[in-house]
Amino acid sequence: MLRVSSWILMSALVLLLAVGTISAQQTGQADQTKSAQEAVAVAKRMADFLSQVQRFSVTADIGFDAVQDDGQKIEFGETRKLLVDRPDRLRVEETKRDGSSSELAFDGKSIMLYYAKDNVYALADRPGTLDDAVSYFVNDLGMRLPLAQLLNSKLAANLPEQVRSAAYVEKSSINGVPCDQIALRGAEADMQLWVAQGAEPLPQRVVITYKKLDGRPQFWAQFSDWNLKPKVSDKLFSVTPPEGAVKIEFAAQQMLQPGQ
């Protein structure tokens, strides 16, 4: 009787453990599904909102790793001020940490990149929309333009193709702005994103890990001074080079850098 009772007790315990494990797995899967749905909703809300904003300016403080031959990571950085006037105007002012600066302008017809220190500029004809100009600048000319995706009016439509999995991390605060923190995974890179809560779901911080590159370098950007009604003028988007500036050719990058 003792053996039978022990066997019955053991069987019941195994059954309870099995049921408990299945229940826990189902609960875990349900939690993961809910987390993914919440994260996707946050990302979609941000993408939809940004895609519909016709005019905005923002400052981005940027840092990115440069992996050395010995594997050590050295961080470089810059501050970028972006002014967007859709459908066909863009201005980007860049100041690197070493003090050097550059300006990028697009007026719907041409793209100009000007380097103040050397007083040189590159100019290319490219009639069309801002989407066309950004794609041409990055893909055809091979130039670096961090945060280019944020400028794309099709950001919301492109998002599902780039995200393989998502998770909601937590509610947090960036510079006093209440945010939803989410984690997104893609084929080439993983991303953490902090999006402001409320009626204007603007990105406040982004961290990207390039998992296919040696050393898994990171790129990060902290956003501030969002303005959805900036004052603009034709002069701000002028592609007329400064007097005395020397024209040069666009120098394509030889390899991908974080933030591309």
C-alpha atoms as a PDB file:
ATOM      1  CA  MET A   1       0.000   0.000   0.000  1.00  0.00           C
ATOM      2  CA  LEU A   2       2.863   2.323   0.839  1.00  0.00           C
ATOM      3  CA  ARG A   3       4.449   1.812  -2.595  1.00  0.00           C
ATOM      4  CA  VAL A   4       1.142   2.368  -4.329  1.00  0.00           C
ATOM      5  CA  SER A   5       0.420   5.489  -2.274  1.00  0.00           C
ATOM      6  CA  SER A   6       3.923   6.804  -2.889  1.00  0.00           C
ATOM      7  CA  TRP A   7       3.590   6.138  -6.595  1.00  0.00           C
ATOM      8  CA  ILE A   8       0.198   7.860  -6.682  1.00  0.00           C
ATOM      9  CA  LEU A   9       1.590  10.804  -4.713  1.00  0.00           C
ATOM     10  CA  MET A  10       4.597  11.045  -7.005  1.00  0.00           C
ATOM     11  CA  SER A  11       2.400  10.838 -10.100  1.00  0.00           C
ATOM     12  CA  ALA A  12       0.139  13.563  -8.788  1.00  0.00           C
ATOM     13  CA  LEU A  13       3.147  15.751  -7.994  1.00  0.00           C
ATOM     14  CA  VAL A  14       4.593  15.229 -11.471  1.00  0.00           C
ATOM     15  CA  LEU A  15       1.200  16.038 -12.977  1.00  0.00           C
ATOM     16  CA  LEU A  16       0.886  19.184 -10.882  1.00  0.00           C
ATOM     17  CA  LEU A  17       4.392  20.264 -11.848  1.00  0.00           C
ATOM     18  CA  ALA A  18       3.642  19.605 -15.520  1.00  0.00           C
ATOM     19  CA  VAL A  19       0.391  21.543 -15.393  1.00  0.00           C
ATOM     20  CA  GLY A  20       2.144  24.333 -13.486  1.00  0.00           C
ATOM     21  CA  THR A  21       4.945  24.454 -16.069  1.00  0.00           C
ATOM     22  CA  ILE A  22       2.498  24.559 -18.980  1.00  0.00           C
ATOM     23  CA  SER A  23       0.500  27.270 -17.212  1.00  0.00           C
ATOM     24  CA  ALA A  24       3.671  29.264 -16.518  1.00  0.00           C
ATOM     25  CA  GLN A  25       4.783  28.884 -20.146  1.00  0.00           C
ATOM     26  CA  GLN A  26       1.381  30.026 -21.361  1.00  0.00           C
ATOM     27  CA  THR A  27       1.448  32.955 -18.930  1.00  0.00           C
ATOM     28  CA  GLY A  28       4.999  33.802 -20.039  1.00  0.00           C
ATOM     29  CA  GLN A  29       4.005  33.649 -23.691  1.00  0.00           C
ATOM     30  CA  ALA A  30       0.961  35.803 -23.009  1.00  0.00           C
ATOM     31  CA  ASP A  31       3.139  38.335 -21.156  1.00  0.00           C
ATOM     32  CA  GLN A  32       5.628  38.386 -24.026  1.00  0.00           C
ATOM     33  CA  THR A  33       2.835  38.883 -26.557  1.00  0.00           C
ATOM     34  CA  LYS A  34       1.353  41.729 -24.507  1.00  0.00           C
ATOM     35  CA  SER A  35       4.789  43.322 -24.099  1.00  0.00           C
ATOM     36  CA  ALA A  36       5.429  43.098 -27.844  1.00  0.00           C
ATOM     37  CA  GLN A  37       2.031  44.577 -28.658  1.00  0.00           C
ATOM     38  CA  GLU A  38       2.604  47.489 -26.272  1.00  0.00           C
ATOM     39  CA  ALA A  39       6.061  48.161 -27.748  1.00  0.00           C
ATOM     40  CA  VAL A  40       4.800  48.046 -31.326  1.00  0.00           C
ATOM     41  CA  ALA A  41       1.953  50.394 -30.397  1.00  0.00           C
ATOM     42  CA  VAL A  42       4.440  52.903 -28.942  1.00  0.00           C
ATOM     43  CA  ALA A  43       6.698  52.701 -32.005  1.00  0.00           C
ATOM     44  CA  LYS A  44       3.757  53.000 -34.400  1.00  0.00           C
ATOM     45  CA  ARG A  45       2.327  55.981 -32.532  1.00  0.00           C
ATOM     46  CA  MET A  46       5.686  57.746 -32.770  1.00  0.00           C
ATOM     47  CA  ALA A  47       6.166  56.844 -36.445  1.00  0.00           C
ATOM     48  CA  ASP A  48       2.645  57.921 -37.406  1.00  0.00           C
ATOM     49  CA  PHE A  49       3.034  61.209 -35.597  1.00  0.00           C
ATOM     50  CA  LEU A  50       6.463  62.048 -37.052  1.00  0.00           C
ATOM     51  CA  SER A  51       5.382  61.073 -40.559  1.00  0.00           C
ATOM     52  CA  GLN A  52       2.514  63.553 -40.433  1.00  0.00           C
ATOM     53  CA  VAL A  53       4.425  66.516 -39.003  1.00  0.00           C
ATOM     54  CA  GLN A  54       5.043  68.885 -41.903  1.00  0.00           C
ATOM     55  CA  ARG A  55       7.581  71.110 -40.202  1.00  0.00           C
ATOM     56  CA  PHE A  56       9.835  70.642 -37.189  1.00  0.00           C
ATOM     57  CA  SER A  57      13.203  71.429 -35.672  1.00  0.00           C
ATOM     58  CA  VAL A  58      15.130  69.449 -33.073  1.00  0.00           C
ATOM     59  CA  THR A  59      18.591  69.242 -31.542  1.00  0.00           C
ATOM     60  CA  ALA A  60      20.288  65.853 -31.247  1.00  0.00           C
ATOM     61  CA  ASP A  61      23.338  65.245 -29.061  1.00  0.00           C
ATOM     62  CA  ILE A  62      25.000  62.203 -30.633  1.00  0.00           C
ATOM     63  CA  GLY A  63      27.656  59.707 -29.588  1.00  0.00           C
ATOM     64  CA  PHE A  64      29.006  56.704 -31.463  1.00  0.00           C
ATOM     65  CA  ASP A  65      31.702  54.049 -30.999  1.00  0.00           C
ATOM     66  CA  ALA A  66      34.683  53.686 -33.299  1.00  0.00           C
ATOM     67  CA  VAL A  67      36.128  50.198 -32.811  1.00  0.00           C
ATOM     68  CA  GLN A  68      39.920  50.227 -33.020  1.00  0.00           C
ATOM     69  CA  ASP A  69      42.101  47.509 -34.549  1.00  0.00           C
ATOM     70  CA  ASP A  70      42.867  46.159 -31.067  1.00  0.00           C
ATOM     71  CA  GLY A  71      39.161  45.954 -30.220  1.00  0.00           C
ATOM     72  CA  GLN A  72      39.008  49.017 -27.967  1.00  0.00           C
ATOM     73  CA  LYS A  73      35.992  51.283 -28.418  1.00  0.00           C
ATOM     74  CA  ILE A  74      36.586  55.027 -28.646  1.00  0.00           C
ATOM     75  CA  GLU A  75      33.536  57.290 -28.513  1.00  0.00           C
ATOM     76  CA  PHE A  76      33.179  60.270 -30.805  1.00  0.00           C
ATOM     77  CA  GLY A  77      30.253  62.621 -30.969  1.00  0.00           C
ATOM     78  CA  GLU A  78      28.577  65.668 -32.379  1.00  0.00           C
ATOM     79  CA  THR A  79      25.566  67.919 -31.992  1.00  0.00           C
ATOM     80  CA  ARG A  80      23.126  68.180 -34.869  1.00  0.00           C
ATOM     81  CA  LYS A  81      20.396  70.755 -35.321  1.00  0.00           C
ATOM     82  CA  LEU A  82      17.786  69.643 -37.828  1.00  0.00           C
ATOM     83  CA  LEU A  83      15.190  71.813 -39.537  1.00  0.00           C
ATOM     84  CA  VAL A  84      12.635  70.032 -41.722  1.00  0.00           C
ATOM     85  CA  ASP A  85      10.036  71.670 -43.948  1.00  0.00           C
ATOM     86  CA  ARG A  86       8.222  68.996 -45.932  1.00  0.00           C
ATOM     87  CA  PRO A  87       7.892  68.078 -48.643  1.00  0.00           C
ATOM     88  CA  ASP A  88      11.218  69.290 -49.994  1.00  0.00           C
ATOM     89  CA  ARG A  89      13.418  71.325 -47.647  1.00  0.00           C
ATOM     90  CA  LEU A  90      16.041  70.385 -45.073  1.00  0.00           C
ATOM     91  CA  ARG A  91      18.829  72.046 -43.126  1.00  0.00           C
ATOM     92  CA  VAL A  92      21.279  70.252 -40.816  1.00  0.00           C
ATOM     93  CA  GLU A  93      23.926  72.053 -38.763  1.00  0.00           C
ATOM     94  CA  GLU A  94      26.598  69.788 -37.316  1.00  0.00           C
ATOM     95  CA  THR A  95      29.214  70.617 -34.673  1.00  0.00           C
ATOM     96  CA  LYS A  96      31.666  67.886 -33.746  1.00  0.00           C
ATOM     97  CA  ARG A  97      33.247  67.626 -30.312  1.00  0.00           C
ATOM     98  CA  ASP A  98      36.570  68.811 -31.756  1.00  0.00           C
ATOM     99  CA  GLY A  99      34.870  72.073 -32.746  1.00  0.00           C
ATOM    100  CA  SER A 100      34.688  71.496 -36.504  1.00  0.00           C
ATOM    101  CA  SER A 101      31.347  72.189 -38.153  1.00  0.00           C
ATOM    102  CA  SER A 102      29.425  71.580 -41.338  1.00  0.00           C
ATOM    103  CA  GLU A 103      26.080  72.475 -42.893  1.00  0.00           C
ATOM    104  CA  LEU A 104      23.799  70.432 -45.110  1.00  0.00           C
ATOM    105  CA  ALA A 105      21.048  72.157 -47.108  1.00  0.00           C
ATOM    106  CA  PHE A 106      18.406  70.924 -49.527  1.00  0.00           C
ATOM    107  CA  ASP A 107      16.001  73.312 -51.270  1.00  0.00           C
ATOM    108  CA  GLY A 108      13.997  70.883 -53.381  1.00  0.00           C
ATOM    109  CA  LYS A 109      16.380  71.171 -56.317  1.00  0.00           C
ATOM    110  CA  SER A 110      19.941  70.725 -55.062  1.00  0.00           C
ATOM    111  CA  ILE A 111      21.910  69.379 -52.081  1.00  0.00           C
ATOM    112  CA  MET A 112      24.880  71.260 -50.660  1.00  0.00           C
ATOM    113  CA  LEU A 113      27.319  70.175 -47.950  1.00  0.00           C
ATOM    114  CA  TYR A 114      29.605  72.907 -46.605  1.00  0.00           C
ATOM    115  CA  TYR A 115      32.648  72.487 -44.326  1.00  0.00           C
ATOM    116  CA  ALA A 116      33.370  75.754 -42.526  1.00  0.00           C
ATOM    117  CA  LYS A 117      36.915  74.974 -41.310  1.00  0.00           C
ATOM    118  CA  ASP A 118      38.262  74.335 -44.806  1.00  0.00           C
ATOM    119  CA  ASN A 119      35.780  76.669 -46.543  1.00  0.00           C
ATOM    120  CA  VAL A 120      34.890  73.991 -49.087  1.00  0.00           C
ATOM    121  CA  TYR A 121      31.567  72.683 -50.340  1.00  0.00           C
ATOM    122  CA  ALA A 122      30.081  69.890 -52.421  1.00  0.00           C
ATOM    123  CA  LEU A 123      26.988  70.427 -54.545  1.00  0.00           C
ATOM    124  CA  ALA A 124      24.709  68.012 -56.389  1.00  0.00           C
ATOM    125  CA  ASP A 125      21.526  68.550 -58.374  1.00  0.00           C
ATOM    126  CA  ARG A 126      18.652  66.458 -57.036  1.00  0.00           C
ATOM    127  CA  PRO A 127      15.146  67.750 -57.759  1.00  0.00           C
ATOM    128  CA  GLY A 128      12.416  66.027 -55.794  1.00  0.00           C
ATOM    129  CA  THR A 129      11.112  65.451 -52.305  1.00  0.00           C
ATOM    130  CA  LEU A 130      13.011  65.298 -49.039  1.00  0.00           C
ATOM    131  CA  ASP A 131      12.661  61.485 -49.119  1.00  0.00           C
ATOM    132  CA  ASP A 132      14.309  61.443 -52.560  1.00  0.00           C
ATOM    133  CA  ALA A 133      17.132  63.725 -51.444  1.00  0.00           C
ATOM    134  CA  VAL A 134      17.930  61.741 -48.280  1.00  0.00           C
ATOM    135  CA  SER A 135      17.934  58.454 -50.184  1.00  0.00           C
ATOM    136  CA  TYR A 136      20.225  59.926 -52.856  1.00  0.00           C
ATOM    137  CA  PHE A 137      22.563  61.468 -50.278  1.00  0.00           C
ATOM    138  CA  VAL A 138      22.969  58.247 -48.289  1.00  0.00           C
ATOM    139  CA  ASN A 139      22.657  55.498 -50.908  1.00  0.00           C
ATOM    140  CA  ASP A 140      23.991  57.095 -54.101  1.00  0.00           C
ATOM    141  CA  LEU A 141      26.541  59.559 -52.763  1.00  0.00           C
ATOM    142  CA  GLY A 142      27.506  57.251 -49.888  1.00  0.00           C
ATOM    143  CA  MET A 143      27.440  60.028 -47.309  1.00  0.00           C
ATOM    144  CA  ARG A 144      26.748  59.742 -43.594  1.00  0.00           C
ATOM    145  CA  LEU A 145      23.456  61.165 -42.308  1.00  0.00           C
ATOM    146  CA  PRO A 146      22.631  60.015 -38.751  1.00  0.00           C
ATOM    147  CA  LEU A 147      18.923  59.697 -37.919  1.00  0.00           C
ATOM    148  CA  ALA A 148      17.984  59.744 -41.600  1.00  0.00           C
ATOM    149  CA  GLN A 149      15.020  57.429 -40.932  1.00  0.00           C
ATOM    150  CA  LEU A 150      13.367  60.096 -38.788  1.00  0.00           C
ATOM    151  CA  LEU A 151      13.231  62.358 -41.844  1.00  0.00           C
ATOM    152  CA  ASN A 152      11.369  59.826 -43.963  1.00  0.00           C
ATOM    153  CA  SER A 153       7.671  60.538 -44.505  1.00  0.00           C
ATOM    154  CA  LYS A 154       7.170  56.773 -44.940  1.00  0.00           C
ATOM    155  CA  LEU A 155       8.602  55.963 -41.502  1.00  0.00           C
ATOM    156  CA  ALA A 156       5.340  54.390 -40.304  1.00  0.00           C
ATOM    157  CA  ALA A 157       5.032  52.214 -43.409  1.00  0.00           C
ATOM    158  CA  ASN A 158       8.683  51.094 -43.293  1.00  0.00           C
ATOM    159  CA  LEU A 159       8.720  50.213 -39.594  1.00  0.00           C
ATOM    160  CA  PRO A 160       7.171  46.690 -39.810  1.00  0.00           C
ATOM    161  CA  GLU A 161       9.771  45.635 -42.385  1.00  0.00           C
ATOM    162  CA  GLN A 162      12.657  46.605 -40.106  1.00  0.00           C
ATOM    163  CA  VAL A 163      11.455  45.199 -36.760  1.00  0.00           C
ATOM    164  CA  ARG A 164      11.605  41.452 -36.122  1.00  0.00           C
ATOM    165  CA  SER A 165      10.678  41.497 -32.442  1.00  0.00           C
ATOM    166  CA  ALA A 166       9.736  44.060 -29.823  1.00  0.00           C
ATOM    167  CA  ALA A 167       9.345  44.376 -26.063  1.00  0.00           C
ATOM    168  CA  TYR A 168       8.005  47.035 -23.726  1.00  0.00           C
ATOM    169  CA  VAL A 169      10.663  47.774 -21.071  1.00  0.00           C
ATOM    170  CA  GLU A 170       9.232  50.311 -18.626  1.00  0.00           C
ATOM    171  CA  LYS A 171       7.877  53.766 -18.018  1.00  0.00           C
ATOM    172  CA  SER A 172      10.746  56.179 -17.427  1.00  0.00           C
ATOM    173  CA  SER A 173      11.771  59.815 -17.690  1.00  0.00           C
ATOM    174  CA  ILE A 174      14.286  61.553 -19.963  1.00  0.00           C
ATOM    175  CA  ASN A 175      15.181  65.107 -18.927  1.00  0.00           C
ATOM    176  CA  GLY A 176      11.916  65.337 -17.029  1.00  0.00           C
ATOM    177  CA  VAL A 177       9.788  64.080 -19.956  1.00  0.00           C
ATOM    178  CA  PRO A 178       7.636  61.014 -19.093  1.00  0.00           C
ATOM    179  CA  CYS A 179       8.481  58.291 -21.619  1.00  0.00           C
ATOM    180  CA  ASP A 180       7.745  54.734 -22.666  1.00  0.00           C
ATOM    181  CA  GLN A 181      10.963  52.741 -23.095  1.00  0.00           C
ATOM    182  CA  ILE A 182      10.835  49.977 -25.694  1.00  0.00           C
ATOM    183  CA  ALA A 183      13.346  47.528 -27.179  1.00  0.00           C
ATOM    184  CA  LEU A 184      13.252  46.609 -30.867  1.00  0.00           C
ATOM    185  CA  ARG A 185      15.286  43.961 -32.677  1.00  0.00           C
ATOM    186  CA  GLY A 186      16.125  43.896 -36.365  1.00  0.00           C
ATOM    187  CA  ALA A 187      18.298  41.797 -38.658  1.00  0.00           C
ATOM    188  CA  GLU A 188      21.328  44.102 -38.469  1.00  0.00           C
ATOM    189  CA  ALA A 189      20.815  46.054 -35.254  1.00  0.00           C
ATOM    190  CA  ASP A 190      19.000  46.220 -31.931  1.00  0.00           C
ATOM    191  CA  MET A 191      17.412  49.455 -30.743  1.00  0.00           C
ATOM    192  CA  GLN A 192      16.264  50.952 -27.483  1.00  0.00           C
ATOM    193  CA  LEU A 193      13.867  53.851 -27.842  1.00  0.00           C
ATOM    194  CA  TRP A 194      12.382  56.293 -25.364  1.00  0.00           C
ATOM    195  CA  VAL A 195       9.185  57.937 -26.657  1.00  0.00           C
ATOM    196  CA  ALA A 196       7.371  60.783 -24.932  1.00  0.00           C
ATOM    197  CA  GLN A 197       3.952  59.948 -23.546  1.00  0.00           C
ATOM    198  CA  GLY A 198       0.956  62.112 -24.318  1.00  0.00           C
ATOM    199  CA  ALA A 199      -0.330  63.885 -27.405  1.00  0.00           C
ATOM    200  CA  GLU A 200       3.115  64.407 -28.964  1.00  0.00           C
ATOM    201  CA  PRO A 201       4.918  61.028 -28.983  1.00  0.00           C
ATOM    202  CA  LEU A 202       8.319  62.363 -30.012  1.00  0.00           C
ATOM    203  CA  PRO A 203      11.528  60.359 -29.573  1.00  0.00           C
ATOM    204  CA  GLN A 204      13.610  61.549 -26.611  1.00  0.00           C
ATOM    205  CA  ARG A 205      16.500  59.096 -26.761  1.00  0.00           C
ATOM    206  CA  VAL A 206      17.656  56.227 -28.961  1.00  0.00           C
ATOM    207  CA  VAL A 207      20.439  53.654 -28.509  1.00  0.00           C
ATOM    208  CA  ILE A 208      21.363  51.384 -31.428  1.00  0.00           C
ATOM    209  CA  THR A 209      23.657  48.351 -31.177  1.00  0.00           C
ATOM    210  CA  TYR A 210      25.117  47.157 -34.487  1.00  0.00           C
ATOM    211  CA  LYS A 211      25.341  43.442 -33.731  1.00  0.00           C
ATOM    212  CA  LYS A 212      26.790  42.412 -37.112  1.00  0.00           C
ATOM    213  CA  LEU A 213      29.755  44.817 -36.926  1.00  0.00           C
ATOM    214  CA  ASP A 214      33.004  43.917 -35.176  1.00  0.00           C
ATOM    215  CA  GLY A 215      32.915  44.875 -31.515  1.00  0.00           C
ATOM    216  CA  ARG A 216      29.150  45.517 -31.593  1.00  0.00           C
ATOM    217  CA  PRO A 217      29.522  49.322 -31.641  1.00  0.00           C
ATOM    218  CA  GLN A 218      26.739  51.530 -30.331  1.00  0.00           C
ATOM    219  CA  PHE A 219      25.191  54.748 -31.540  1.00  0.00           C
ATOM    220  CA  TRP A 220      23.080  56.949 -29.291  1.00  0.00           C
ATOM    221  CA  ALA A 221      21.208  60.207 -29.645  1.00  0.00           C
ATOM    222  CA  GLN A 222      19.536  62.409 -27.047  1.00  0.00           C
ATOM    223  CA  PHE A 223      16.875  64.769 -28.417  1.00  0.00           C
ATOM    224  CA  SER A 224      15.965  68.193 -27.078  1.00  0.00           C
ATOM    225  CA  ASP A 225      14.282  71.448 -28.127  1.00  0.00           C
ATOM    226  CA  TRP A 226      11.597  69.858 -30.253  1.00  0.00           C
ATOM    227  CA  ASN A 227       9.647  72.575 -32.087  1.00  0.00           C
ATOM    228  CA  LEU A 228       6.730  71.609 -34.315  1.00  0.00           C
ATOM    229  CA  LYS A 229       6.115  75.176 -35.501  1.00  0.00           C
ATOM    230  CA  PRO A 230       9.566  76.631 -36.254  1.00  0.00           C
ATOM    231  CA  LYS A 231       9.908  79.826 -38.232  1.00  0.00           C
ATOM    232  CA  VAL A 232      11.421  79.203 -41.652  1.00  0.00           C
ATOM    233  CA  SER A 233      12.638  81.272 -44.590  1.00  0.00           C
ATOM    234  CA  ASP A 234      14.080  80.480 -47.992  1.00  0.00           C
ATOM    235  CA  LYS A 235      17.476  81.696 -46.773  1.00  0.00           C
ATOM    236  CA  LEU A 236      17.704  78.881 -44.245  1.00  0.00           C
ATOM    237  CA  PHE A 237      17.591  76.289 -47.019  1.00  0.00           C
ATOM    238  CA  SER A 238      19.800  78.156 -49.462  1.00  0.00           C
ATOM    239  CA  VAL A 239      22.338  76.064 -51.364  1.00  0.00           C
ATOM    240  CA  THR A 240      24.369  79.096 -52.426  1.00  0.00           C
ATOM    241  CA  PRO A 241      27.948  78.542 -51.175  1.00  0.00           C
ATOM    242  CA  PRO A 242      29.662  81.238 -49.113  1.00  0.00           C
ATOM    243  CA  GLU A 243      31.828  83.697 -51.007  1.00  0.00           C
ATOM    244  CA  GLY A 244      35.329  82.347 -51.588  1.00  0.00           C
ATOM    245  CA  ALA A 245      34.393  78.720 -50.836  1.00  0.00           C
ATOM    246  CA  VAL A 246      36.066  76.088 -53.011  1.00  0.00           C
ATOM    247  CA  LYS A 247      33.975  73.389 -54.664  1.00  0.00           C
ATOM    248  CA  ILE A 248      34.950  69.751 -54.099  1.00  0.00           C
ATOM    249  CA  GLU A 249      33.352  66.390 -54.886  1.00  0.00           C
ATOM    250  CA  PHE A 250      31.289  64.407 -52.424  1.00  0.00           C
ATOM    251  CA  ALA A 251      33.612  61.886 -50.774  1.00  0.00           C
ATOM    252  CA  ALA A 252      31.740  58.612 -50.303  1.00  0.00           C
ATOM    253  CA  GLN A 253      32.360  56.648 -47.128  1.00  0.00           C
ATOM    254  CA  GLN A 254      34.470  53.553 -47.485  1.00  0.00           C
ATOM    255  CA  MET A 255      32.684  51.671 -44.717  1.00  0.00           C
ATOM    256  CA  LEU A 256      29.526  51.837 -42.649  1.00  0.00           C
ATOM    257  CA  GLN A 257      29.719  53.855 -39.448  1.00  0.00           C
ATOM    258  CA  PRO A 258      27.362  53.718 -36.484  1.00  0.00           C
ATOM    259  CA  GLY A 259      24.455  56.052 -37.024  1.00  0.00           C
ATOM    260  CA  GLN A 260      24.400  55.587 -40.801  1.00  0.00           C
END
